Amino acid sequence: MLPRRMIRQYTTQAVSPEVIERILSAAITAPSPHNRQPWRFAVLRGPARQRLATAMGDKLWADRLRDGDAAEVIARDVARSSQRINSAPVAILACLSMSEMDIYPDARRAAAERWMAGQAVACAVQNLLITAAATGLGACWMCAPLFCPDLVVSTLGLPADWEPQALITLGYPADTGRDRGRKPLSDVVVVVDSE
């Protein structure tokens, strides 16, 4: 787990369906609230990946133009994102579905239920990333689908209750990635009621 890195460059070697199944089987062992298992996954290959990259790139371009960003900066951003998606042999879209989660009449508990579902999907993605690394694959977690969930669902023809959370590119790594470092424990941990 410790040497795992986000990988953004892949070889052209195909990832077998058996390896994808092993990775997804590990993903779904994650904990979930009420054991409702709110995660959903779409495996994207070839044209589906390309359609999604194009649609999300067009949306990113439009959003950034509205922000007033320079066209050349937007073009680089869109090209980088598209390259990451299209250069990977496979991508997995992680979604959440609230269809089996509890329904509450008040906003506070309804928001907590949604947060719990999102946490479960994040746990499943972490399982996916760790298993991919243990299998010899590289992976990169991209949050771009959060900025255009309806577009992602319509582009891929997914069920309406699937809410895109992350796009994970997968493949055999062409490099080792970068160690981005982590804050020391003393910056992020407090011991309560220590002796």
N, C-alpha and C. Protein backbone atom coordinates (compact mmCIF):
# COMPACT_ATOMS: atom_id res chain seq x y z
N MET A 1 0.82 -1.19 0.00
CA MET A 1 0.00 0.00 0.00
C MET A 1 0.86 1.26 0.00
N LEU A 2 1.95 1.28 0.75
CA LEU A 2 2.75 2.50 0.87
C LEU A 2 3.40 2.95 -0.43
N PRO A 3 3.85 2.04 -1.31
CA PRO A 3 4.45 2.52 -2.56
C PRO A 3 3.43 2.92 -3.63
N ARG A 4 2.14 2.78 -3.36
CA ARG A 4 1.13 3.14 -4.36
C ARG A 4 1.22 4.61 -4.70
N ARG A 5 1.15 4.92 -5.99
CA ARG A 5 1.20 6.29 -6.48
C ARG A 5 0.10 6.49 -7.51
N MET A 6 -0.27 7.74 -7.76
CA MET A 6 -1.16 8.04 -8.88
C MET A 6 -0.31 7.96 -10.15
N ILE A 7 -0.76 7.13 -11.08
CA ILE A 7 -0.05 6.94 -12.34
C ILE A 7 -0.87 7.59 -13.44
N ARG A 8 -0.19 8.39 -14.26
CA ARG A 8 -0.88 9.11 -15.33
C ARG A 8 -0.41 8.71 -16.72
N GLN A 9 0.60 7.84 -16.80
CA GLN A 9 1.13 7.37 -18.08
C GLN A 9 1.10 5.84 -18.07
N TYR A 10 0.57 5.28 -19.15
CA TYR A 10 0.39 3.83 -19.22
C TYR A 10 1.02 3.26 -20.48
N THR A 11 1.37 1.97 -20.42
CA THR A 11 1.81 1.28 -21.62
C THR A 11 0.57 0.92 -22.43
N THR A 12 0.76 0.36 -23.60
CA THR A 12 -0.38 -0.03 -24.44
C THR A 12 -0.89 -1.44 -24.11
N GLN A 13 -0.27 -2.10 -23.15
CA GLN A 13 -0.68 -3.46 -22.78
C GLN A 13 -2.12 -3.46 -22.28
N ALA A 14 -2.94 -4.35 -22.83
CA ALA A 14 -4.35 -4.45 -22.44
C ALA A 14 -4.47 -4.99 -21.02
N VAL A 15 -5.55 -4.60 -20.36
CA VAL A 15 -5.88 -5.12 -19.03
C VAL A 15 -7.00 -6.14 -19.24
N SER A 16 -6.76 -7.35 -18.80
CA SER A 16 -7.72 -8.43 -19.07
C SER A 16 -9.01 -8.25 -18.26
N PRO A 17 -10.11 -8.78 -18.78
CA PRO A 17 -11.37 -8.74 -18.02
C PRO A 17 -11.26 -9.43 -16.66
N GLU A 18 -10.43 -10.47 -16.56
CA GLU A 18 -10.26 -11.19 -15.30
C GLU A 18 -9.60 -10.28 -14.25
N VAL A 19 -8.63 -9.48 -14.66
CA VAL A 19 -7.98 -8.56 -13.73
C VAL A 19 -8.96 -7.49 -13.29
N ILE A 20 -9.74 -6.96 -14.22
CA ILE A 20 -10.75 -5.95 -13.86
C ILE A 20 -11.75 -6.54 -12.87
N GLU A 21 -12.17 -7.77 -13.11
CA GLU A 21 -13.12 -8.42 -12.19
C GLU A 21 -12.51 -8.58 -10.80
N ARG A 22 -11.24 -8.95 -10.73
CA ARG A 22 -10.56 -9.11 -9.44
C ARG A 22 -10.52 -7.78 -8.69
N ILE A 23 -10.22 -6.71 -9.41
CA ILE A 23 -10.13 -5.38 -8.79
C ILE A 23 -11.50 -4.92 -8.30
N LEU A 24 -12.53 -5.13 -9.11
CA LEU A 24 -13.88 -4.72 -8.70
C LEU A 24 -14.41 -5.60 -7.57
N SER A 25 -14.02 -6.87 -7.58
CA SER A 25 -14.43 -7.75 -6.47
C SER A 25 -13.85 -7.27 -5.15
N ALA A 26 -12.63 -6.76 -5.19
CA ALA A 26 -12.03 -6.19 -3.98
C ALA A 26 -12.73 -4.89 -3.60
N ALA A 27 -13.08 -4.08 -4.60
CA ALA A 27 -13.73 -2.80 -4.33
C ALA A 27 -15.01 -2.99 -3.53
N ILE A 28 -15.79 -3.98 -3.89
CA ILE A 28 -17.11 -4.14 -3.26
C ILE A 28 -17.06 -4.81 -1.89
N THR A 29 -15.85 -5.08 -1.39
CA THR A 29 -15.74 -5.58 -0.01
C THR A 29 -15.66 -4.43 0.99
N ALA A 30 -15.72 -3.20 0.50
CA ALA A 30 -15.63 -2.03 1.37
C ALA A 30 -16.80 -1.99 2.35
N PRO A 31 -16.61 -1.32 3.49
CA PRO A 31 -17.73 -1.15 4.41
C PRO A 31 -18.76 -0.19 3.81
N SER A 32 -20.01 -0.36 4.20
CA SER A 32 -21.05 0.55 3.73
C SER A 32 -22.13 0.71 4.79
N PRO A 33 -22.79 1.87 4.81
CA PRO A 33 -23.83 2.11 5.81
C PRO A 33 -25.00 1.16 5.63
N HIS A 34 -25.45 0.57 6.71
CA HIS A 34 -26.57 -0.38 6.71
C HIS A 34 -26.33 -1.56 5.75
N ASN A 35 -25.09 -1.76 5.33
CA ASN A 35 -24.72 -2.76 4.32
C ASN A 35 -25.53 -2.59 3.03
N ARG A 36 -25.85 -1.37 2.66
CA ARG A 36 -26.65 -1.09 1.46
C ARG A 36 -25.81 -1.09 0.18
N GLN A 37 -24.49 -1.00 0.30
CA GLN A 37 -23.59 -1.09 -0.84
C GLN A 37 -23.99 -0.13 -1.96
N PRO A 38 -23.90 1.18 -1.71
CA PRO A 38 -24.40 2.16 -2.66
C PRO A 38 -23.50 2.43 -3.87
N TRP A 39 -22.42 1.68 -3.99
CA TRP A 39 -21.51 1.89 -5.11
C TRP A 39 -22.03 1.24 -6.38
N ARG A 40 -21.71 1.88 -7.50
CA ARG A 40 -21.99 1.34 -8.83
C ARG A 40 -20.76 1.65 -9.67
N PHE A 41 -20.42 0.75 -10.59
CA PHE A 41 -19.23 0.92 -11.41
C PHE A 41 -19.54 0.71 -12.89
N ALA A 42 -18.99 1.56 -13.72
CA ALA A 42 -19.07 1.39 -15.18
C ALA A 42 -17.65 1.23 -15.69
N VAL A 43 -17.39 0.11 -16.39
CA VAL A 43 -16.07 -0.14 -16.96
C VAL A 43 -16.08 0.43 -18.37
N LEU A 44 -15.14 1.33 -18.65
CA LEU A 44 -15.09 2.03 -19.92
C LEU A 44 -13.86 1.63 -20.71
N ARG A 45 -14.10 1.20 -21.93
CA ARG A 45 -13.01 0.87 -22.85
C ARG A 45 -13.25 1.62 -24.15
N GLY A 46 -12.25 1.71 -24.98
CA GLY A 46 -12.34 2.24 -26.34
C GLY A 46 -13.23 3.44 -26.52
N PRO A 47 -14.23 3.32 -27.41
CA PRO A 47 -15.07 4.47 -27.77
C PRO A 47 -15.81 5.11 -26.59
N ALA A 48 -16.21 4.34 -25.61
CA ALA A 48 -16.92 4.91 -24.45
C ALA A 48 -16.01 5.88 -23.71
N ARG A 49 -14.76 5.48 -23.53
CA ARG A 49 -13.78 6.33 -22.86
C ARG A 49 -13.58 7.62 -23.66
N GLN A 50 -13.45 7.46 -24.97
CA GLN A 50 -13.23 8.62 -25.84
C GLN A 50 -14.43 9.57 -25.85
N ARG A 51 -15.64 9.01 -25.90
CA ARG A 51 -16.85 9.85 -25.86
C ARG A 51 -16.90 10.66 -24.57
N LEU A 52 -16.59 9.99 -23.47
CA LEU A 52 -16.63 10.67 -22.18
C LEU A 52 -15.56 11.76 -22.11
N ALA A 53 -14.35 11.47 -22.56
CA ALA A 53 -13.27 12.46 -22.54
C ALA A 53 -13.65 13.69 -23.36
N THR A 54 -14.26 13.47 -24.52
CA THR A 54 -14.66 14.59 -25.38
C THR A 54 -15.76 15.41 -24.72
N ALA A 55 -16.78 14.75 -24.20
CA ALA A 55 -17.89 15.46 -23.57
C ALA A 55 -17.43 16.25 -22.35
N MET A 56 -16.62 15.63 -21.50
CA MET A 56 -16.14 16.33 -20.31
C MET A 56 -15.19 17.46 -20.70
N GLY A 57 -14.39 17.26 -21.75
CA GLY A 57 -13.51 18.31 -22.22
C GLY A 57 -14.28 19.52 -22.73
N ASP A 58 -15.37 19.27 -23.46
CA ASP A 58 -16.22 20.37 -23.95
C ASP A 58 -16.84 21.13 -22.78
N LYS A 59 -17.27 20.41 -21.76
CA LYS A 59 -17.87 21.04 -20.58
C LYS A 59 -16.82 21.85 -19.82
N LEU A 60 -15.63 21.29 -19.66
CA LEU A 60 -14.55 22.00 -18.98
C LEU A 60 -14.22 23.28 -19.73
N TRP A 61 -14.16 23.19 -21.07
CA TRP A 61 -13.87 24.36 -21.90
C TRP A 61 -14.91 25.45 -21.65
N ALA A 62 -16.18 25.09 -21.69
CA ALA A 62 -17.27 26.07 -21.51
C ALA A 62 -17.22 26.68 -20.10
N ASP A 63 -17.01 25.85 -19.08
CA ASP A 63 -16.94 26.35 -17.71
C ASP A 63 -15.78 27.33 -17.53
N ARG A 64 -14.63 26.97 -18.04
CA ARG A 64 -13.45 27.81 -17.87
C ARG A 64 -13.56 29.11 -18.67
N LEU A 65 -14.22 29.07 -19.84
CA LEU A 65 -14.46 30.31 -20.59
C LEU A 65 -15.33 31.26 -19.77
N ARG A 66 -16.38 30.72 -19.13
CA ARG A 66 -17.24 31.53 -18.27
C ARG A 66 -16.46 32.12 -17.10
N ASP A 67 -15.43 31.41 -16.65
CA ASP A 67 -14.59 31.90 -15.56
C ASP A 67 -13.67 33.03 -16.02
N GLY A 68 -13.56 33.20 -17.35
CA GLY A 68 -12.68 34.24 -17.89
C GLY A 68 -11.25 33.80 -18.09
N ASP A 69 -10.99 32.50 -18.09
CA ASP A 69 -9.63 32.00 -18.28
C ASP A 69 -9.20 32.16 -19.73
N ALA A 70 -7.91 32.27 -19.94
CA ALA A 70 -7.35 32.42 -21.28
C ALA A 70 -7.52 31.13 -22.08
N ALA A 71 -7.82 31.27 -23.36
CA ALA A 71 -8.07 30.12 -24.23
C ALA A 71 -6.89 29.15 -24.26
N GLU A 72 -5.66 29.67 -24.27
CA GLU A 72 -4.50 28.77 -24.35
C GLU A 72 -4.33 27.97 -23.07
N VAL A 73 -4.70 28.55 -21.93
CA VAL A 73 -4.63 27.83 -20.65
C VAL A 73 -5.71 26.74 -20.62
N ILE A 74 -6.89 27.09 -21.09
CA ILE A 74 -7.98 26.11 -21.14
C ILE A 74 -7.61 24.96 -22.07
N ALA A 75 -7.08 25.29 -23.23
CA ALA A 75 -6.71 24.26 -24.21
C ALA A 75 -5.72 23.26 -23.61
N ARG A 76 -4.73 23.74 -22.85
CA ARG A 76 -3.76 22.84 -22.21
C ARG A 76 -4.44 21.95 -21.18
N ASP A 77 -5.34 22.54 -20.40
CA ASP A 77 -6.05 21.79 -19.36
C ASP A 77 -6.92 20.69 -19.98
N VAL A 78 -7.67 21.05 -21.01
CA VAL A 78 -8.54 20.09 -21.69
C VAL A 78 -7.71 18.99 -22.33
N ALA A 79 -6.61 19.35 -22.99
CA ALA A 79 -5.76 18.35 -23.64
C ALA A 79 -5.15 17.39 -22.62
N ARG A 80 -4.71 17.92 -21.47
CA ARG A 80 -4.12 17.08 -20.44
C ARG A 80 -5.15 16.08 -19.89
N SER A 81 -6.34 16.57 -19.61
CA SER A 81 -7.40 15.71 -19.09
C SER A 81 -7.77 14.63 -20.10
N SER A 82 -7.95 15.04 -21.34
CA SER A 82 -8.32 14.08 -22.40
C SER A 82 -7.24 13.03 -22.59
N GLN A 83 -5.99 13.46 -22.56
CA GLN A 83 -4.87 12.53 -22.73
C GLN A 83 -4.85 11.50 -21.60
N ARG A 84 -5.11 11.94 -20.37
CA ARG A 84 -5.11 11.01 -19.24
C ARG A 84 -6.17 9.94 -19.41
N ILE A 85 -7.34 10.36 -19.85
CA ILE A 85 -8.44 9.40 -20.00
C ILE A 85 -8.21 8.48 -21.19
N ASN A 86 -7.81 9.05 -22.33
CA ASN A 86 -7.68 8.26 -23.56
C ASN A 86 -6.44 7.40 -23.62
N SER A 87 -5.40 7.73 -22.84
CA SER A 87 -4.17 6.94 -22.90
C SER A 87 -4.26 5.68 -22.04
N ALA A 88 -5.21 5.64 -21.15
CA ALA A 88 -5.37 4.46 -20.29
C ALA A 88 -6.12 3.37 -21.05
N PRO A 89 -5.68 2.13 -20.93
CA PRO A 89 -6.40 1.04 -21.60
C PRO A 89 -7.85 0.88 -21.13
N VAL A 90 -8.10 1.26 -19.88
CA VAL A 90 -9.44 1.11 -19.32
C VAL A 90 -9.65 2.20 -18.26
N ALA A 91 -10.89 2.58 -18.07
CA ALA A 91 -11.24 3.50 -16.99
C ALA A 91 -12.47 2.95 -16.29
N ILE A 92 -12.55 3.20 -15.01
CA ILE A 92 -13.71 2.76 -14.23
C ILE A 92 -14.36 3.99 -13.62
N LEU A 93 -15.62 4.17 -13.92
CA LEU A 93 -16.39 5.26 -13.35
C LEU A 93 -17.06 4.75 -12.08
N ALA A 94 -16.75 5.38 -10.96
CA ALA A 94 -17.38 5.02 -9.69
C ALA A 94 -18.54 5.97 -9.43
N CYS A 95 -19.69 5.39 -9.16
CA CYS A 95 -20.90 6.18 -8.92
C CYS A 95 -21.51 5.76 -7.59
N LEU A 96 -22.40 6.62 -7.08
CA LEU A 96 -23.20 6.21 -5.93
C LEU A 96 -24.66 6.23 -6.32
N SER A 97 -25.40 5.36 -5.69
CA SER A 97 -26.85 5.31 -5.88
C SER A 97 -27.50 5.40 -4.51
N MET A 98 -28.45 6.30 -4.39
CA MET A 98 -29.19 6.45 -3.13
C MET A 98 -30.43 5.57 -3.12
N SER A 99 -30.60 4.76 -4.16
CA SER A 99 -31.85 4.01 -4.33
C SER A 99 -32.19 3.07 -3.18
N GLU A 100 -31.19 2.57 -2.47
CA GLU A 100 -31.44 1.64 -1.37
C GLU A 100 -31.09 2.22 0.00
N MET A 101 -30.72 3.49 0.00
CA MET A 101 -30.36 4.14 1.27
C MET A 101 -31.64 4.57 1.99
N ASP A 102 -31.52 4.82 3.30
CA ASP A 102 -32.67 5.25 4.09
C ASP A 102 -33.14 6.63 3.65
N ILE A 103 -34.43 6.88 3.79
CA ILE A 103 -35.02 8.18 3.45
C ILE A 103 -35.51 8.81 4.75
N TYR A 104 -35.09 10.06 4.96
CA TYR A 104 -35.48 10.79 6.16
C TYR A 104 -36.27 12.03 5.77
N PRO A 105 -37.23 12.44 6.60
CA PRO A 105 -38.04 13.62 6.27
C PRO A 105 -37.31 14.94 6.52
N ASP A 106 -36.24 14.90 7.31
CA ASP A 106 -35.55 16.16 7.63
C ASP A 106 -34.22 16.24 6.88
N ALA A 107 -33.81 17.47 6.58
CA ALA A 107 -32.62 17.73 5.78
C ALA A 107 -31.34 17.26 6.48
N ARG A 108 -31.27 17.39 7.79
CA ARG A 108 -30.06 17.00 8.52
C ARG A 108 -29.74 15.52 8.36
N ARG A 109 -30.73 14.67 8.61
CA ARG A 109 -30.49 13.23 8.49
C ARG A 109 -30.36 12.80 7.04
N ALA A 110 -31.10 13.43 6.14
CA ALA A 110 -30.97 13.12 4.71
C ALA A 110 -29.56 13.43 4.22
N ALA A 111 -29.00 14.56 4.68
CA ALA A 111 -27.63 14.93 4.29
C ALA A 111 -26.62 13.94 4.87
N ALA A 112 -26.84 13.50 6.11
CA ALA A 112 -25.94 12.52 6.72
C ALA A 112 -25.97 11.21 5.95
N GLU A 113 -27.15 10.80 5.52
CA GLU A 113 -27.28 9.54 4.75
C GLU A 113 -26.51 9.64 3.44
N ARG A 114 -26.59 10.79 2.77
CA ARG A 114 -25.86 10.99 1.50
C ARG A 114 -24.35 10.97 1.76
N TRP A 115 -23.92 11.64 2.84
CA TRP A 115 -22.50 11.62 3.18
C TRP A 115 -22.02 10.20 3.43
N MET A 116 -22.81 9.41 4.15
CA MET A 116 -22.42 8.03 4.42
C MET A 116 -22.28 7.24 3.13
N ALA A 117 -23.20 7.44 2.20
CA ALA A 117 -23.12 6.74 0.91
C ALA A 117 -21.85 7.15 0.16
N GLY A 118 -21.55 8.45 0.17
CA GLY A 118 -20.34 8.93 -0.49
C GLY A 118 -19.08 8.36 0.14
N GLN A 119 -19.08 8.26 1.48
CA GLN A 119 -17.93 7.68 2.16
C GLN A 119 -17.74 6.22 1.76
N ALA A 120 -18.83 5.49 1.62
CA ALA A 120 -18.74 4.09 1.22
C ALA A 120 -18.15 3.96 -0.18
N VAL A 121 -18.59 4.82 -1.10
CA VAL A 121 -18.03 4.78 -2.45
C VAL A 121 -16.54 5.09 -2.41
N ALA A 122 -16.15 6.08 -1.60
CA ALA A 122 -14.73 6.42 -1.48
C ALA A 122 -13.93 5.23 -0.93
N CYS A 123 -14.49 4.52 0.05
CA CYS A 123 -13.81 3.32 0.56
C CYS A 123 -13.66 2.27 -0.53
N ALA A 124 -14.69 2.10 -1.34
CA ALA A 124 -14.62 1.13 -2.43
C ALA A 124 -13.54 1.52 -3.44
N VAL A 125 -13.45 2.81 -3.73
CA VAL A 125 -12.42 3.27 -4.67
C VAL A 125 -11.03 3.04 -4.08
N GLN A 126 -10.86 3.28 -2.78
CA GLN A 126 -9.56 3.02 -2.16
C GLN A 126 -9.20 1.54 -2.27
N ASN A 127 -10.17 0.65 -2.01
CA ASN A 127 -9.92 -0.78 -2.19
C ASN A 127 -9.49 -1.07 -3.63
N LEU A 128 -10.17 -0.45 -4.58
CA LEU A 128 -9.86 -0.63 -6.00
C LEU A 128 -8.42 -0.20 -6.28
N LEU A 129 -8.02 0.98 -5.78
CA LEU A 129 -6.67 1.50 -6.03
C LEU A 129 -5.60 0.60 -5.43
N ILE A 130 -5.82 0.14 -4.21
CA ILE A 130 -4.83 -0.71 -3.55
C ILE A 130 -4.72 -2.05 -4.27
N THR A 131 -5.84 -2.62 -4.66
CA THR A 131 -5.81 -3.90 -5.37
C THR A 131 -5.17 -3.75 -6.74
N ALA A 132 -5.45 -2.64 -7.42
CA ALA A 132 -4.81 -2.40 -8.72
C ALA A 132 -3.29 -2.37 -8.54
N ALA A 133 -2.80 -1.65 -7.54
CA ALA A 133 -1.36 -1.57 -7.31
C ALA A 133 -0.78 -2.94 -6.98
N ALA A 134 -1.48 -3.72 -6.15
CA ALA A 134 -1.01 -5.05 -5.78
C ALA A 134 -1.00 -6.00 -6.99
N THR A 135 -1.81 -5.69 -7.99
CA THR A 135 -1.90 -6.51 -9.20
C THR A 135 -0.87 -6.08 -10.24
N GLY A 136 -0.14 -5.00 -9.97
CA GLY A 136 0.85 -4.51 -10.92
C GLY A 136 0.34 -3.42 -11.85
N LEU A 137 -0.88 -2.95 -11.58
CA LEU A 137 -1.44 -1.88 -12.41
C LEU A 137 -1.18 -0.52 -11.79
N GLY A 138 -1.18 0.48 -12.65
CA GLY A 138 -1.17 1.85 -12.19
C GLY A 138 -2.59 2.39 -12.28
N ALA A 139 -2.90 3.39 -11.49
CA ALA A 139 -4.23 3.98 -11.49
C ALA A 139 -4.15 5.44 -11.11
N CYS A 140 -5.14 6.20 -11.56
CA CYS A 140 -5.24 7.61 -11.19
C CYS A 140 -6.70 7.95 -10.92
N TRP A 141 -6.96 8.52 -9.76
CA TRP A 141 -8.30 8.94 -9.33
C TRP A 141 -8.54 10.34 -9.87
N MET A 142 -9.52 10.51 -10.72
CA MET A 142 -9.89 11.81 -11.27
C MET A 142 -11.27 12.19 -10.75
N CYS A 143 -11.40 13.39 -10.23
CA CYS A 143 -12.67 13.85 -9.67
C CYS A 143 -13.53 14.62 -10.67
N ALA A 144 -13.08 14.75 -11.90
CA ALA A 144 -13.78 15.56 -12.92
C ALA A 144 -15.27 15.23 -13.05
N PRO A 145 -15.71 13.96 -12.95
CA PRO A 145 -17.15 13.69 -13.09
C PRO A 145 -18.04 14.40 -12.08
N LEU A 146 -17.48 14.81 -10.94
CA LEU A 146 -18.27 15.54 -9.94
C LEU A 146 -18.73 16.90 -10.47
N PHE A 147 -18.00 17.45 -11.45
CA PHE A 147 -18.32 18.76 -11.99
C PHE A 147 -19.37 18.71 -13.10
N CYS A 148 -19.67 17.50 -13.59
CA CYS A 148 -20.65 17.39 -14.69
C CYS A 148 -21.36 16.04 -14.64
N PRO A 149 -21.99 15.70 -13.51
CA PRO A 149 -22.58 14.36 -13.35
C PRO A 149 -23.67 14.04 -14.36
N ASP A 150 -24.55 14.99 -14.65
CA ASP A 150 -25.63 14.72 -15.60
C ASP A 150 -25.08 14.44 -17.00
N LEU A 151 -24.05 15.19 -17.38
CA LEU A 151 -23.40 14.98 -18.67
C LEU A 151 -22.79 13.58 -18.75
N VAL A 152 -22.12 13.15 -17.69
CA VAL A 152 -21.49 11.83 -17.66
C VAL A 152 -22.55 10.74 -17.81
N VAL A 153 -23.64 10.86 -17.05
CA VAL A 153 -24.72 9.86 -17.11
C VAL A 153 -25.33 9.79 -18.50
N SER A 154 -25.62 10.95 -19.10
CA SER A 154 -26.25 10.95 -20.43
C SER A 154 -25.28 10.49 -21.51
N THR A 155 -24.01 10.86 -21.42
CA THR A 155 -23.02 10.45 -22.42
C THR A 155 -22.86 8.94 -22.44
N LEU A 156 -22.88 8.34 -21.27
CA LEU A 156 -22.65 6.89 -21.17
C LEU A 156 -23.95 6.08 -21.15
N GLY A 157 -25.09 6.74 -21.08
CA GLY A 157 -26.37 6.02 -21.04
C GLY A 157 -26.55 5.23 -19.76
N LEU A 158 -26.14 5.78 -18.65
CA LEU A 158 -26.23 5.09 -17.36
C LEU A 158 -27.61 5.29 -16.74
N PRO A 159 -27.98 4.43 -15.79
CA PRO A 159 -29.24 4.63 -15.08
C PRO A 159 -29.28 6.01 -14.41
N ALA A 160 -30.45 6.59 -14.35
CA ALA A 160 -30.62 7.95 -13.83
C ALA A 160 -30.21 8.09 -12.37
N ASP A 161 -30.29 7.01 -11.58
CA ASP A 161 -29.94 7.11 -10.15
C ASP A 161 -28.44 6.94 -9.89
N TRP A 162 -27.63 6.74 -10.93
CA TRP A 162 -26.19 6.62 -10.75
C TRP A 162 -25.60 8.03 -10.71
N GLU A 163 -24.94 8.39 -9.63
CA GLU A 163 -24.35 9.71 -9.46
C GLU A 163 -22.83 9.58 -9.54
N PRO A 164 -22.22 10.03 -10.65
CA PRO A 164 -20.77 9.90 -10.82
C PRO A 164 -19.99 10.58 -9.70
N GLN A 165 -19.01 9.87 -9.17
CA GLN A 165 -18.17 10.37 -8.09
C GLN A 165 -16.70 10.50 -8.50
N ALA A 166 -16.22 9.57 -9.30
CA ALA A 166 -14.80 9.56 -9.66
C ALA A 166 -14.60 8.73 -10.92
N LEU A 167 -13.57 9.08 -11.66
CA LEU A 167 -13.14 8.29 -12.81
C LEU A 167 -11.74 7.81 -12.51
N ILE A 168 -11.54 6.51 -12.53
CA ILE A 168 -10.25 5.92 -12.24
C ILE A 168 -9.68 5.36 -13.52
N THR A 169 -8.56 5.92 -13.98
CA THR A 169 -7.89 5.36 -15.15
C THR A 169 -6.99 4.22 -14.68
N LEU A 170 -6.92 3.17 -15.49
CA LEU A 170 -6.15 1.98 -15.12
C LEU A 170 -5.32 1.49 -16.30
N GLY A 171 -4.16 0.99 -16.00
CA GLY A 171 -3.31 0.37 -17.01
C GLY A 171 -1.99 -0.04 -16.40
N TYR A 172 -1.16 -0.65 -17.23
CA TYR A 172 0.17 -1.00 -16.76
C TYR A 172 1.03 0.26 -16.82
N PRO A 173 1.70 0.61 -15.73
CA PRO A 173 2.37 1.91 -15.65
C PRO A 173 3.55 2.04 -16.61
N ALA A 174 3.64 3.20 -17.23
CA ALA A 174 4.78 3.53 -18.08
C ALA A 174 5.86 4.25 -17.27
N ASP A 175 5.54 4.66 -16.05
CA ASP A 175 6.52 5.27 -15.14
C ASP A 175 6.11 4.93 -13.71
N THR A 176 6.88 5.39 -12.77
CA THR A 176 6.62 5.04 -11.36
C THR A 176 5.79 6.07 -10.63
N GLY A 177 5.40 7.15 -11.31
CA GLY A 177 4.65 8.20 -10.64
C GLY A 177 5.57 9.01 -9.74
N ARG A 178 5.00 10.00 -9.10
CA ARG A 178 5.79 10.87 -8.22
C ARG A 178 5.36 10.68 -6.78
N ASP A 179 6.34 10.74 -5.90
CA ASP A 179 6.03 10.75 -4.47
C ASP A 179 5.68 12.19 -4.12
N ARG A 180 4.43 12.43 -3.80
CA ARG A 180 3.96 13.78 -3.51
C ARG A 180 4.17 14.16 -2.04
N GLY A 181 4.64 13.21 -1.26
CA GLY A 181 4.88 13.51 0.15
C GLY A 181 3.58 13.61 0.94
N ARG A 182 3.70 13.47 2.20
CA ARG A 182 2.57 13.57 3.10
C ARG A 182 2.97 14.41 4.31
N LYS A 183 1.99 15.09 4.88
CA LYS A 183 2.25 15.86 6.10
C LYS A 183 2.65 14.89 7.20
N PRO A 184 3.47 15.34 8.15
CA PRO A 184 3.81 14.46 9.27
C PRO A 184 2.59 14.22 10.15
N LEU A 185 2.58 13.09 10.81
CA LEU A 185 1.46 12.75 11.70
C LEU A 185 1.20 13.86 12.71
N SER A 186 2.24 14.51 13.18
CA SER A 186 2.06 15.55 14.18
C SER A 186 1.21 16.71 13.68
N ASP A 187 1.10 16.88 12.36
CA ASP A 187 0.28 17.94 11.79
C ASP A 187 -1.19 17.55 11.65
N VAL A 188 -1.48 16.26 11.68
CA VAL A 188 -2.85 15.82 11.38
C VAL A 188 -3.48 14.94 12.45
N VAL A 189 -2.76 14.68 13.53
CA VAL A 189 -3.28 13.77 14.56
C VAL A 189 -3.26 14.48 15.91
N VAL A 190 -4.33 14.32 16.65
CA VAL A 190 -4.36 14.75 18.05
C VAL A 190 -4.81 13.55 18.87
N VAL A 191 -4.16 13.34 19.98
CA VAL A 191 -4.53 12.26 20.90
C VAL A 191 -5.40 12.86 21.99
N VAL A 192 -6.60 12.35 22.15
CA VAL A 192 -7.55 12.87 23.12
C VAL A 192 -7.51 11.96 24.36
N ASP A 193 -7.52 12.56 25.53
CA ASP A 193 -7.47 11.80 26.78
C ASP A 193 -6.23 10.92 26.87
N SER A 194 -5.11 11.46 26.47
CA SER A 194 -3.88 10.67 26.57
C SER A 194 -3.44 10.58 28.04
N GLU A 195 -2.65 9.58 28.32
CA GLU A 195 -2.17 9.37 29.70
C GLU A 195 -0.77 9.86 29.83
